[in-house]
């Protein structure tokens, strides 16, 4: 049986031991061991079906009913950001941000979070009037207002255009530096992984096949030879032979 425990010590934000998840008799996660330090930014890469999103759902406790075993230990305070912002279209922006929060200061915290993501003054806007990038900014504000110790992000920028993605990368790095949650982010974009991560993990057949620590100071320039070397190594781990192809890596 799988165990999922919240409330770790300050020395670790995520710990899994022998984590297994199976669908229709096929092991998508196969005895996976993982540790994430407090404040660490970890990015998961892998081919389709390698278990990236399955691992994220397991960490979030969103996979009830899935066959599996192993141990999962995570902090008490967890937030999740998805590719779809998942805003309630019939509620205004500020209400979406503070939905479910208790206490008299919730709306003040919500306004402060919106200001942090560059949306001060948009509190009464309807989600449908926002661009895709603005909707994801609201989703980030909704996650951060809860002061998570662990932020889980499943391809949060996958639906955005290239320029908006670049802006969102800078915003997420800035928010991470300011709030210091541990982050585990899933992406298919190799460049995105190198731009954002402290450490990149490539999943292969349900286990961690490759692990790289990114020791390049921010902001990271894709034209930097060190960036290019890491990109090449990650693409090779994904089975892609060319110097750069995010589409092929997907």
C-alpha atoms as a PDB file:
ATOM      1  CA  UNK A   1       0.000   0.000   0.000  1.00  0.00           C
ATOM      2  CA  UNK A   2       1.143   3.567  -0.711  1.00  0.00           C
ATOM      3  CA  UNK A   3       1.543   6.011   2.168  1.00  0.00           C
ATOM      4  CA  UNK A   4       1.215   9.788   1.743  1.00  0.00           C
ATOM      5  CA  UNK A   5       2.352  11.867   4.726  1.00  0.00           C
ATOM      6  CA  UNK A   6       2.263  15.657   5.136  1.00  0.00           C
ATOM      7  CA  UNK A   7       4.475  17.559   7.552  1.00  0.00           C
ATOM      8  CA  UNK A   8       8.188  16.960   6.963  1.00  0.00           C
ATOM      9  CA  UNK A   9      11.116  18.406   8.883  1.00  0.00           C
ATOM     10  CA  UNK A  10      12.837  21.575   7.671  1.00  0.00           C
ATOM     11  CA  UNK A  11      15.626  19.555   6.036  1.00  0.00           C
ATOM     12  CA  UNK A  12      13.499  18.049   3.237  1.00  0.00           C
ATOM     13  CA  UNK A  13      10.486  19.252   1.243  1.00  0.00           C
ATOM     14  CA  UNK A  14       9.848  16.051  -0.716  1.00  0.00           C
ATOM     15  CA  UNK A  15      10.891  12.481  -0.087  1.00  0.00           C
ATOM     16  CA  UNK A  16       9.680   9.409  -1.952  1.00  0.00           C
ATOM     17  CA  UNK A  17      10.851   5.850  -1.407  1.00  0.00           C
ATOM     18  CA  UNK A  18      10.064   2.951  -3.750  1.00  0.00           C
ATOM     19  CA  UNK A  19       7.222   4.893  -5.357  1.00  0.00           C
ATOM     20  CA  UNK A  20       5.228   2.774  -7.803  1.00  0.00           C
ATOM     21  CA  UNK A  21       2.126   3.690  -9.795  1.00  0.00           C
ATOM     22  CA  UNK A  22       0.503   1.362 -12.321  1.00  0.00           C
ATOM     23  CA  UNK A  23      -2.196   1.757 -14.959  1.00  0.00           C
ATOM     24  CA  UNK A  24      -3.795  -1.309 -16.540  1.00  0.00           C
ATOM     25  CA  UNK A  25      -0.981  -3.459 -15.234  1.00  0.00           C
ATOM     26  CA  UNK A  26       1.808  -1.224 -16.603  1.00  0.00           C
ATOM     27  CA  UNK A  27       4.173   0.416 -14.111  1.00  0.00           C
ATOM     28  CA  UNK A  28       4.399   4.135 -14.960  1.00  0.00           C
ATOM     29  CA  UNK A  29       6.470   4.821 -11.836  1.00  0.00           C
ATOM     30  CA  UNK A  30       8.726   1.918 -10.929  1.00  0.00           C
ATOM     31  CA  UNK A  31      10.316   2.146  -7.488  1.00  0.00           C
ATOM     32  CA  UNK A  32      11.184   5.842  -7.800  1.00  0.00           C
ATOM     33  CA  UNK A  33      13.275   7.502  -5.054  1.00  0.00           C
ATOM     34  CA  UNK A  34      13.374  11.295  -4.877  1.00  0.00           C
ATOM     35  CA  UNK A  35      14.415  14.026  -2.450  1.00  0.00           C
ATOM     36  CA  UNK A  36      13.861  17.768  -2.877  1.00  0.00           C
ATOM     37  CA  UNK A  37      15.418  20.259  -0.486  1.00  0.00           C
ATOM     38  CA  UNK A  38      13.519  23.245   0.960  1.00  0.00           C
ATOM     39  CA  UNK A  39      13.638  26.116  -1.510  1.00  0.00           C
ATOM     40  CA  UNK A  40      15.020  23.961  -4.330  1.00  0.00           C
ATOM     41  CA  UNK A  41      13.674  24.373  -7.875  1.00  0.00           C
ATOM     42  CA  UNK A  42      13.464  20.958  -9.571  1.00  0.00           C
ATOM     43  CA  UNK A  43      12.273  20.465 -13.162  1.00  0.00           C
ATOM     44  CA  UNK A  44      11.086  17.105 -14.507  1.00  0.00           C
ATOM     45  CA  UNK A  45      11.687  16.173 -18.139  1.00  0.00           C
ATOM     46  CA  UNK A  46      10.887  12.943 -19.920  1.00  0.00           C
ATOM     47  CA  UNK A  47       9.301  11.419 -22.968  1.00  0.00           C
ATOM     48  CA  UNK A  48       5.525  11.062 -23.106  1.00  0.00           C
ATOM     49  CA  UNK A  49       4.465   8.308 -20.716  1.00  0.00           C
ATOM     50  CA  UNK A  50       7.630   8.499 -18.620  1.00  0.00           C
ATOM     51  CA  UNK A  51       5.660   9.317 -15.463  1.00  0.00           C
ATOM     52  CA  UNK A  52       6.186  13.092 -15.037  1.00  0.00           C
ATOM     53  CA  UNK A  53       2.575  14.098 -14.466  1.00  0.00           C
ATOM     54  CA  UNK A  54       1.889  10.852 -12.603  1.00  0.00           C
ATOM     55  CA  UNK A  55       4.649  11.755 -10.139  1.00  0.00           C
ATOM     56  CA  UNK A  56       3.297  15.279  -9.714  1.00  0.00           C
ATOM     57  CA  UNK A  57      -0.228  14.018  -9.015  1.00  0.00           C
ATOM     58  CA  UNK A  58       1.148  11.515  -6.512  1.00  0.00           C
ATOM     59  CA  UNK A  59       3.048  14.264  -4.657  1.00  0.00           C
ATOM     60  CA  UNK A  60      -0.101  16.398  -4.600  1.00  0.00           C
ATOM     61  CA  UNK A  61      -2.209  13.521  -3.280  1.00  0.00           C
ATOM     62  CA  UNK A  62      -4.475  13.706  -6.338  1.00  0.00           C
ATOM     63  CA  UNK A  63      -4.211  10.088  -7.458  1.00  0.00           C
ATOM     64  CA  UNK A  64      -6.595   8.278  -5.139  1.00  0.00           C
ATOM     65  CA  UNK A  65      -7.672   4.980  -6.626  1.00  0.00           C
ATOM     66  CA  UNK A  66      -4.520   4.499  -8.698  1.00  0.00           C
ATOM     67  CA  UNK A  67      -2.730   1.222  -8.032  1.00  0.00           C
ATOM     68  CA  UNK A  68       0.602   1.790  -6.340  1.00  0.00           C
ATOM     69  CA  UNK A  69       2.932   1.434  -3.385  1.00  0.00           C
ATOM     70  CA  UNK A  70       5.826   3.218  -1.717  1.00  0.00           C
ATOM     71  CA  UNK A  71       6.221   6.181   0.600  1.00  0.00           C
ATOM     72  CA  UNK A  72       5.607   9.893  -0.034  1.00  0.00           C
ATOM     73  CA  UNK A  73       6.482  12.609   2.485  1.00  0.00           C
ATOM     74  CA  UNK A  74       5.658  16.231   1.659  1.00  0.00           C
ATOM     75  CA  UNK A  75       5.113  19.483   3.593  1.00  0.00           C
ATOM     76  CA  UNK A  76       1.783  20.524   5.073  1.00  0.00           C
ATOM     77  CA  UNK A  77       1.294  23.518   2.761  1.00  0.00           C
ATOM     78  CA  UNK A  78       1.129  22.560  -0.946  1.00  0.00           C
ATOM     79  CA  UNK A  79      -0.147  24.511  -3.959  1.00  0.00           C
ATOM     80  CA  UNK A  80      -0.635  23.230  -7.511  1.00  0.00           C
ATOM     81  CA  UNK A  81      -0.532  25.150 -10.808  1.00  0.00           C
ATOM     82  CA  UNK A  82      -1.802  23.496 -13.997  1.00  0.00           C
ATOM     83  CA  UNK A  83      -1.420  24.279 -17.709  1.00  0.00           C
ATOM     84  CA  UNK A  84      -5.017  25.489 -17.616  1.00  0.00           C
ATOM     85  CA  UNK A  85      -5.346  28.352 -15.112  1.00  0.00           C
ATOM     86  CA  UNK A  86      -8.584  26.779 -13.823  1.00  0.00           C
ATOM     87  CA  UNK A  87     -10.102  30.107 -12.851  1.00  0.00           C
ATOM     88  CA  UNK A  88     -13.821  30.285 -12.128  1.00  0.00           C
ATOM     89  CA  UNK A  89     -15.207  32.388 -14.996  1.00  0.00           C
ATOM     90  CA  UNK A  90     -18.185  33.604 -12.960  1.00  0.00           C
ATOM     91  CA  UNK A  91     -15.952  35.040 -10.190  1.00  0.00           C
ATOM     92  CA  UNK A  92     -13.801  38.157 -10.443  1.00  0.00           C
ATOM     93  CA  UNK A  93     -10.017  37.929 -10.302  1.00  0.00           C
ATOM     94  CA  UNK A  94      -9.574  38.764  -6.606  1.00  0.00           C
ATOM     95  CA  UNK A  95     -12.260  36.282  -5.572  1.00  0.00           C
ATOM     96  CA  UNK A  96     -10.488  33.589  -7.601  1.00  0.00           C
ATOM     97  CA  UNK A  97      -7.205  34.340  -5.843  1.00  0.00           C
ATOM     98  CA  UNK A  98      -8.590  34.141  -2.291  1.00  0.00           C
ATOM     99  CA  UNK A  99     -11.115  31.350  -2.904  1.00  0.00           C
ATOM    100  CA  UNK A 100     -11.150  29.078   0.137  1.00  0.00           C
ATOM    101  CA  UNK A 101      -8.933  31.310   2.289  1.00  0.00           C
ATOM    102  CA  UNK A 102     -10.156  32.165   5.766  1.00  0.00           C
ATOM    103  CA  UNK A 103      -9.501  35.190   7.908  1.00  0.00           C
ATOM    104  CA  UNK A 104     -10.188  38.900   7.699  1.00  0.00           C
ATOM    105  CA  UNK A 105      -6.929  39.652   5.893  1.00  0.00           C
ATOM    106  CA  UNK A 106      -7.504  37.282   2.980  1.00  0.00           C
ATOM    107  CA  UNK A 107      -8.499  39.957   0.459  1.00  0.00           C
ATOM    108  CA  UNK A 108      -5.573  42.164   1.480  1.00  0.00           C
ATOM    109  CA  UNK A 109      -3.195  39.235   0.921  1.00  0.00           C
ATOM    110  CA  UNK A 110      -4.894  38.583  -2.414  1.00  0.00           C
ATOM    111  CA  UNK A 111      -4.335  42.176  -3.569  1.00  0.00           C
ATOM    112  CA  UNK A 112      -0.682  41.969  -2.503  1.00  0.00           C
ATOM    113  CA  UNK A 113      -0.258  38.694  -4.437  1.00  0.00           C
ATOM    114  CA  UNK A 114      -1.820  40.218  -7.559  1.00  0.00           C
ATOM    115  CA  UNK A 115       0.534  43.189  -7.293  1.00  0.00           C
ATOM    116  CA  UNK A 116       3.477  40.770  -7.081  1.00  0.00           C
ATOM    117  CA  UNK A 117       2.516  39.160 -10.383  1.00  0.00           C
ATOM    118  CA  UNK A 118       1.977  42.527 -12.100  1.00  0.00           C
ATOM    119  CA  UNK A 119      -1.821  42.646 -11.932  1.00  0.00           C
ATOM    120  CA  UNK A 120      -2.428  45.461  -9.444  1.00  0.00           C
ATOM    121  CA  UNK A 121      -5.671  47.196 -10.341  1.00  0.00           C
ATOM    122  CA  UNK A 122      -7.148  44.131 -12.075  1.00  0.00           C
ATOM    123  CA  UNK A 123      -8.849  42.768  -8.958  1.00  0.00           C
ATOM    124  CA  UNK A 124     -12.388  43.237 -10.343  1.00  0.00           C
ATOM    125  CA  UNK A 125     -11.634  41.985 -13.856  1.00  0.00           C
ATOM    126  CA  UNK A 126     -13.427  38.916 -15.164  1.00  0.00           C
ATOM    127  CA  UNK A 127     -11.114  35.996 -16.084  1.00  0.00           C
ATOM    128  CA  UNK A 128     -12.504  35.911 -19.616  1.00  0.00           C
ATOM    129  CA  UNK A 129     -11.229  39.443 -20.211  1.00  0.00           C
ATOM    130  CA  UNK A 130      -7.628  38.453 -19.423  1.00  0.00           C
ATOM    131  CA  UNK A 131      -5.008  37.134 -21.831  1.00  0.00           C
ATOM    132  CA  UNK A 132      -3.643  33.620 -21.378  1.00  0.00           C
ATOM    133  CA  UNK A 133      -0.506  34.985 -19.712  1.00  0.00           C
ATOM    134  CA  UNK A 134      -2.560  37.150 -17.351  1.00  0.00           C
ATOM    135  CA  UNK A 135      -4.711  34.166 -16.409  1.00  0.00           C
ATOM    136  CA  UNK A 136      -1.582  32.196 -15.490  1.00  0.00           C
ATOM    137  CA  UNK A 137      -0.385  35.168 -13.430  1.00  0.00           C
ATOM    138  CA  UNK A 138      -3.654  34.971 -11.499  1.00  0.00           C
ATOM    139  CA  UNK A 139      -3.102  31.230 -11.033  1.00  0.00           C
ATOM    140  CA  UNK A 140       0.387  31.942  -9.631  1.00  0.00           C
ATOM    141  CA  UNK A 141      -1.026  34.591  -7.290  1.00  0.00           C
ATOM    142  CA  UNK A 142      -3.681  32.113  -6.106  1.00  0.00           C
ATOM    143  CA  UNK A 143      -0.968  29.567  -5.354  1.00  0.00           C
ATOM    144  CA  UNK A 144       1.450  31.928  -3.620  1.00  0.00           C
ATOM    145  CA  UNK A 145      -1.156  33.658  -1.450  1.00  0.00           C
ATOM    146  CA  UNK A 146      -1.426  30.353   0.403  1.00  0.00           C
ATOM    147  CA  UNK A 147       2.281  30.573   1.334  1.00  0.00           C
ATOM    148  CA  UNK A 148       3.129  27.047   0.151  1.00  0.00           C
ATOM    149  CA  UNK A 149       6.206  25.189   1.284  1.00  0.00           C
ATOM    150  CA  UNK A 150       5.908  23.160  -1.933  1.00  0.00           C
ATOM    151  CA  UNK A 151       4.649  24.419  -5.294  1.00  0.00           C
ATOM    152  CA  UNK A 152       3.815  21.759  -7.897  1.00  0.00           C
ATOM    153  CA  UNK A 153       3.473  22.959 -11.498  1.00  0.00           C
ATOM    154  CA  UNK A 154       2.320  20.774 -14.397  1.00  0.00           C
ATOM    155  CA  UNK A 155       3.396  22.460 -17.663  1.00  0.00           C
ATOM    156  CA  UNK A 156       2.118  25.847 -16.437  1.00  0.00           C
ATOM    157  CA  UNK A 157       3.367  27.724 -19.523  1.00  0.00           C
ATOM    158  CA  UNK A 158       2.712  25.062 -22.153  1.00  0.00           C
ATOM    159  CA  UNK A 159      -0.248  26.898 -23.724  1.00  0.00           C
ATOM    160  CA  UNK A 160       1.453  30.318 -23.926  1.00  0.00           C
ATOM    161  CA  UNK A 161       3.191  31.924 -26.883  1.00  0.00           C
ATOM    162  CA  UNK A 162       6.987  32.144 -26.895  1.00  0.00           C
ATOM    163  CA  UNK A 163       7.313  35.784 -25.781  1.00  0.00           C
ATOM    164  CA  UNK A 164       4.787  35.383 -22.968  1.00  0.00           C
ATOM    165  CA  UNK A 165       6.623  32.261 -21.838  1.00  0.00           C
ATOM    166  CA  UNK A 166       9.896  34.188 -21.537  1.00  0.00           C
ATOM    167  CA  UNK A 167       8.191  36.833 -19.394  1.00  0.00           C
ATOM    168  CA  UNK A 168       6.598  34.145 -17.217  1.00  0.00           C
ATOM    169  CA  UNK A 169       9.980  32.456 -16.718  1.00  0.00           C
ATOM    170  CA  UNK A 170      11.400  35.688 -15.319  1.00  0.00           C
ATOM    171  CA  UNK A 171       8.356  36.209 -13.109  1.00  0.00           C
ATOM    172  CA  UNK A 172       8.456  32.678 -11.691  1.00  0.00           C
ATOM    173  CA  UNK A 173      12.182  32.912 -10.940  1.00  0.00           C
ATOM    174  CA  UNK A 174      11.627  36.248  -9.162  1.00  0.00           C
ATOM    175  CA  UNK A 175       8.726  34.859  -7.138  1.00  0.00           C
ATOM    176  CA  UNK A 176      10.776  31.811  -6.231  1.00  0.00           C
ATOM    177  CA  UNK A 177      13.650  33.969  -4.998  1.00  0.00           C
ATOM    178  CA  UNK A 178      11.257  36.090  -2.934  1.00  0.00           C
ATOM    179  CA  UNK A 179       9.147  33.347  -1.345  1.00  0.00           C
ATOM    180  CA  UNK A 180      11.529  30.334  -1.490  1.00  0.00           C
ATOM    181  CA  UNK A 181       9.067  27.457  -1.739  1.00  0.00           C
ATOM    182  CA  UNK A 182      10.401  24.195  -3.062  1.00  0.00           C
ATOM    183  CA  UNK A 183       9.157  23.865  -6.654  1.00  0.00           C
ATOM    184  CA  UNK A 184       8.686  20.731  -8.745  1.00  0.00           C
ATOM    185  CA  UNK A 185       7.765  21.672 -12.316  1.00  0.00           C
ATOM    186  CA  UNK A 186       6.943  19.394 -15.252  1.00  0.00           C
ATOM    187  CA  UNK A 187       7.768  20.528 -18.784  1.00  0.00           C
ATOM    188  CA  UNK A 188       8.512  19.175 -22.262  1.00  0.00           C
ATOM    189  CA  UNK A 189      10.633  22.236 -23.064  1.00  0.00           C
ATOM    190  CA  UNK A 190      14.351  21.600 -22.553  1.00  0.00           C
ATOM    191  CA  UNK A 191      15.281  25.290 -22.696  1.00  0.00           C
ATOM    192  CA  UNK A 192      12.614  26.071 -20.105  1.00  0.00           C
ATOM    193  CA  UNK A 193      14.139  23.463 -17.818  1.00  0.00           C
ATOM    194  CA  UNK A 194      17.636  24.943 -18.114  1.00  0.00           C
ATOM    195  CA  UNK A 195      16.376  28.520 -17.644  1.00  0.00           C
ATOM    196  CA  UNK A 196      14.437  27.733 -14.468  1.00  0.00           C
ATOM    197  CA  UNK A 197      15.902  24.784 -12.601  1.00  0.00           C
ATOM    198  CA  UNK A 198      18.414  24.360  -9.844  1.00  0.00           C
ATOM    199  CA  UNK A 199      18.292  20.679 -10.779  1.00  0.00           C
ATOM    200  CA  UNK A 200      16.840  18.842 -13.790  1.00  0.00           C
ATOM    201  CA  UNK A 201      15.652  15.241 -13.574  1.00  0.00           C
ATOM    202  CA  UNK A 202      14.946  13.167 -16.679  1.00  0.00           C
ATOM    203  CA  UNK A 203      12.486  10.361 -16.039  1.00  0.00           C
ATOM    204  CA  UNK A 204      12.977   7.171 -18.002  1.00  0.00           C
ATOM    205  CA  UNK A 205      10.829   4.063 -17.634  1.00  0.00           C
ATOM    206  CA  UNK A 206       9.400   5.277 -14.351  1.00  0.00           C
ATOM    207  CA  UNK A 207      12.711   6.111 -12.686  1.00  0.00           C
ATOM    208  CA  UNK A 208      15.203   8.971 -12.644  1.00  0.00           C
ATOM    209  CA  UNK A 209      17.519   8.253 -15.562  1.00  0.00           C
ATOM    210  CA  UNK A 210      19.538  11.477 -15.634  1.00  0.00           C
ATOM    211  CA  UNK A 211      20.124  14.168 -13.013  1.00  0.00           C
ATOM    212  CA  UNK A 212      21.863  17.475 -13.719  1.00  0.00           C
ATOM    213  CA  UNK A 213      22.499  20.408 -11.386  1.00  0.00           C
ATOM    214  CA  UNK A 214      22.420  23.741 -13.227  1.00  0.00           C
ATOM    215  CA  UNK A 215      25.216  25.912 -11.845  1.00  0.00           C
ATOM    216  CA  UNK A 216      24.743  28.913 -14.129  1.00  0.00           C
ATOM    217  CA  UNK A 217      23.981  32.288 -12.619  1.00  0.00           C
ATOM    218  CA  UNK A 218      20.612  33.891 -13.454  1.00  0.00           C
ATOM    219  CA  UNK A 219      19.443  35.260 -15.780  1.00  0.00           C
ATOM    220  CA  UNK A 220      20.602  32.399 -17.978  1.00  0.00           C
ATOM    221  CA  UNK A 221      21.480  33.162 -21.570  1.00  0.00           C
ATOM    222  CA  UNK A 222      20.703  30.396 -24.114  1.00  0.00           C
ATOM    223  CA  UNK A 223      23.716  31.567 -26.139  1.00  0.00           C
ATOM    224  CA  UNK A 224      26.042  30.788 -23.209  1.00  0.00           C
ATOM    225  CA  UNK A 225      28.214  27.747 -24.143  1.00  0.00           C
ATOM    226  CA  UNK A 226      27.454  26.196 -20.734  1.00  0.00           C
ATOM    227  CA  UNK A 227      23.724  26.490 -21.437  1.00  0.00           C
ATOM    228  CA  UNK A 228      24.190  24.892 -24.851  1.00  0.00           C
ATOM    229  CA  UNK A 229      26.225  22.024 -23.376  1.00  0.00           C
ATOM    230  CA  UNK A 230      23.555  21.249 -20.768  1.00  0.00           C
ATOM    231  CA  UNK A 231      20.818  21.445 -23.418  1.00  0.00           C
ATOM    232  CA  UNK A 232      22.699  18.968 -25.588  1.00  0.00           C
ATOM    233  CA  UNK A 233      23.183  16.558 -22.684  1.00  0.00           C
ATOM    234  CA  UNK A 234      19.500  16.700 -21.771  1.00  0.00           C
ATOM    235  CA  UNK A 235      18.373  16.198 -25.358  1.00  0.00           C
ATOM    236  CA  UNK A 236      20.651  13.158 -25.574  1.00  0.00           C
ATOM    237  CA  UNK A 237      19.069  11.791 -22.388  1.00  0.00           C
ATOM    238  CA  UNK A 238      15.685  12.254 -24.064  1.00  0.00           C
ATOM    239  CA  UNK A 239      16.872  10.402 -27.160  1.00  0.00           C
ATOM    240  CA  UNK A 240      16.991  13.499 -29.377  1.00  0.00           C
ATOM    241  CA  UNK A 241      20.112  13.840 -31.497  1.00  0.00           C
ATOM    242  CA  UNK A 242      19.845  17.428 -32.755  1.00  0.00           C
ATOM    243  CA  UNK A 243      21.338  20.467 -31.034  1.00  0.00           C
ATOM    244  CA  UNK A 244      17.918  21.947 -30.300  1.00  0.00           C
ATOM    245  CA  UNK A 245      14.355  20.728 -30.792  1.00  0.00           C
ATOM    246  CA  UNK A 246      11.765  21.299 -28.111  1.00  0.00           C
ATOM    247  CA  UNK A 247       9.080  19.801 -30.345  1.00  0.00           C
ATOM    248  CA  UNK A 248      11.070  16.582 -30.815  1.00  0.00           C
ATOM    249  CA  UNK A 249      11.749  16.413 -27.063  1.00  0.00           C
ATOM    250  CA  UNK A 250       8.009  16.388 -26.476  1.00  0.00           C
END
